[in-house]
Amino acid sequence: MIETVSLTVTGMKCGGCESNVTDKLKTIDGVLFVKASSKDNEVNVEFDSDKTSLDTIESAIIDAGFTVE
């Protein structure tokens, strides 16, 4: 099933941070779309919940060095 979530992510300060999060999430099988905004402290993700989970997505963001609120 396709799901869309909007996560509050702190620690992103620039476009490089946005790219870091986006690139990390796009490596996850089942992630279909990612838009990260350092200005809004937000990451929007569309994913197939049959292939991945919200926990996996949040863990990847944390592994990239950011905090999910």
C-alpha atoms as a PDB file:
ATOM      1  CA  MET A   1       0.000   0.000   0.000  1.00  0.00           C
ATOM      2  CA  ILE A   2       1.328   3.464  -0.892  1.00  0.00           C
ATOM      3  CA  GLU A   3       1.674   5.813   2.093  1.00  0.00           C
ATOM      4  CA  THR A   4       2.815   9.406   2.426  1.00  0.00           C
ATOM      5  CA  VAL A   5       4.316  10.836   5.618  1.00  0.00           C
ATOM      6  CA  SER A   6       5.627  14.222   6.631  1.00  0.00           C
ATOM      7  CA  LEU A   7       8.367  14.006   9.257  1.00  0.00           C
ATOM      8  CA  THR A   8       9.844  16.806  11.340  1.00  0.00           C
ATOM      9  CA  VAL A   9      13.611  16.461  11.008  1.00  0.00           C
ATOM     10  CA  THR A  10      16.056  18.692  12.845  1.00  0.00           C
ATOM     11  CA  GLY A  11      19.718  19.232  12.116  1.00  0.00           C
ATOM     12  CA  MET A  12      19.410  19.966   8.398  1.00  0.00           C
ATOM     13  CA  LYS A  13      21.092  23.331   7.773  1.00  0.00           C
ATOM     14  CA  CYS A  14      21.600  23.517   3.997  1.00  0.00           C
ATOM     15  CA  GLY A  15      21.003  21.994   0.589  1.00  0.00           C
ATOM     16  CA  GLY A  16      23.795  19.517   1.223  1.00  0.00           C
ATOM     17  CA  CYS A  17      21.937  18.213   4.265  1.00  0.00           C
ATOM     18  CA  GLU A  18      18.761  17.912   2.194  1.00  0.00           C
ATOM     19  CA  SER A  19      20.671  15.942  -0.450  1.00  0.00           C
ATOM     20  CA  ASN A  20      22.225  13.711   2.191  1.00  0.00           C
ATOM     21  CA  VAL A  21      18.792  12.749   3.583  1.00  0.00           C
ATOM     22  CA  THR A  22      17.248  12.395   0.131  1.00  0.00           C
ATOM     23  CA  ASP A  23      20.066  10.200  -1.192  1.00  0.00           C
ATOM     24  CA  LYS A  24      20.006   7.995   1.921  1.00  0.00           C
ATOM     25  CA  LEU A  25      16.238   7.449   1.713  1.00  0.00           C
ATOM     26  CA  LYS A  26      16.251   6.759  -2.025  1.00  0.00           C
ATOM     27  CA  THR A  27      18.490   3.722  -1.414  1.00  0.00           C
ATOM     28  CA  ILE A  28      15.654   2.034   0.502  1.00  0.00           C
ATOM     29  CA  ASP A  29      13.616  -0.410  -1.573  1.00  0.00           C
ATOM     30  CA  GLY A  30      10.024   0.819  -1.567  1.00  0.00           C
ATOM     31  CA  VAL A  31      10.736   4.551  -1.193  1.00  0.00           C
ATOM     32  CA  LEU A  32       9.074   6.227  -4.167  1.00  0.00           C
ATOM     33  CA  PHE A  33       9.505   9.963  -3.513  1.00  0.00           C
ATOM     34  CA  VAL A  34      11.483  12.150  -1.101  1.00  0.00           C
ATOM     35  CA  LYS A  35      11.441  15.911  -0.592  1.00  0.00           C
ATOM     36  CA  ALA A  36      13.593  17.349   2.184  1.00  0.00           C
ATOM     37  CA  SER A  37      13.427  20.971   3.311  1.00  0.00           C
ATOM     38  CA  SER A  38      16.009  22.391   5.717  1.00  0.00           C
ATOM     39  CA  LYS A  39      14.027  25.646   5.836  1.00  0.00           C
ATOM     40  CA  ASP A  40      10.899  23.859   7.090  1.00  0.00           C
ATOM     41  CA  ASN A  41      12.713  21.106   9.055  1.00  0.00           C
ATOM     42  CA  GLU A  42      10.576  18.652   7.126  1.00  0.00           C
ATOM     43  CA  VAL A  43      10.996  15.513   5.053  1.00  0.00           C
ATOM     44  CA  ASN A  44       8.091  14.249   2.966  1.00  0.00           C
ATOM     45  CA  VAL A  45       8.280  10.603   1.931  1.00  0.00           C
ATOM     46  CA  GLU A  46       6.031   8.475  -0.250  1.00  0.00           C
ATOM     47  CA  PHE A  47       6.666   4.759   0.164  1.00  0.00           C
ATOM     48  CA  ASP A  48       5.240   1.302  -0.415  1.00  0.00           C
ATOM     49  CA  SER A  49       4.461  -0.101   3.032  1.00  0.00           C
ATOM     50  CA  ASP A  50       4.572  -3.624   1.592  1.00  0.00           C
ATOM     51  CA  LYS A  51       8.304  -3.131   0.934  1.00  0.00           C
ATOM     52  CA  THR A  52       9.497  -0.873   3.765  1.00  0.00           C
ATOM     53  CA  SER A  53       8.316   0.665   7.021  1.00  0.00           C
ATOM     54  CA  LEU A  54       8.227   4.041   8.693  1.00  0.00           C
ATOM     55  CA  ASP A  55      10.707   2.699  11.272  1.00  0.00           C
ATOM     56  CA  THR A  56      13.190   1.900   8.496  1.00  0.00           C
ATOM     57  CA  ILE A  57      12.792   5.388   7.033  1.00  0.00           C
ATOM     58  CA  GLU A  58      13.250   7.071  10.419  1.00  0.00           C
ATOM     59  CA  SER A  59      16.321   4.913  11.160  1.00  0.00           C
ATOM     60  CA  ALA A  60      17.897   5.922   7.842  1.00  0.00           C
ATOM     61  CA  ILE A  61      17.400   9.615   8.664  1.00  0.00           C
ATOM     62  CA  ILE A  62      18.991   9.089  12.094  1.00  0.00           C
ATOM     63  CA  ASP A  63      21.876   7.131  10.482  1.00  0.00           C
ATOM     64  CA  ALA A  64      22.413  10.136   8.177  1.00  0.00           C
ATOM     65  CA  GLY A  65      23.031  12.247  11.286  1.00  0.00           C
ATOM     66  CA  PHE A  66      19.709  13.982  11.818  1.00  0.00           C
ATOM     67  CA  THR A  67      16.952  13.836  14.415  1.00  0.00           C
ATOM     68  CA  VAL A  68      13.373  12.776  13.744  1.00  0.00           C
ATOM     69  CA  GLU A  69      10.948  14.500  16.102  1.00  0.00           C
END
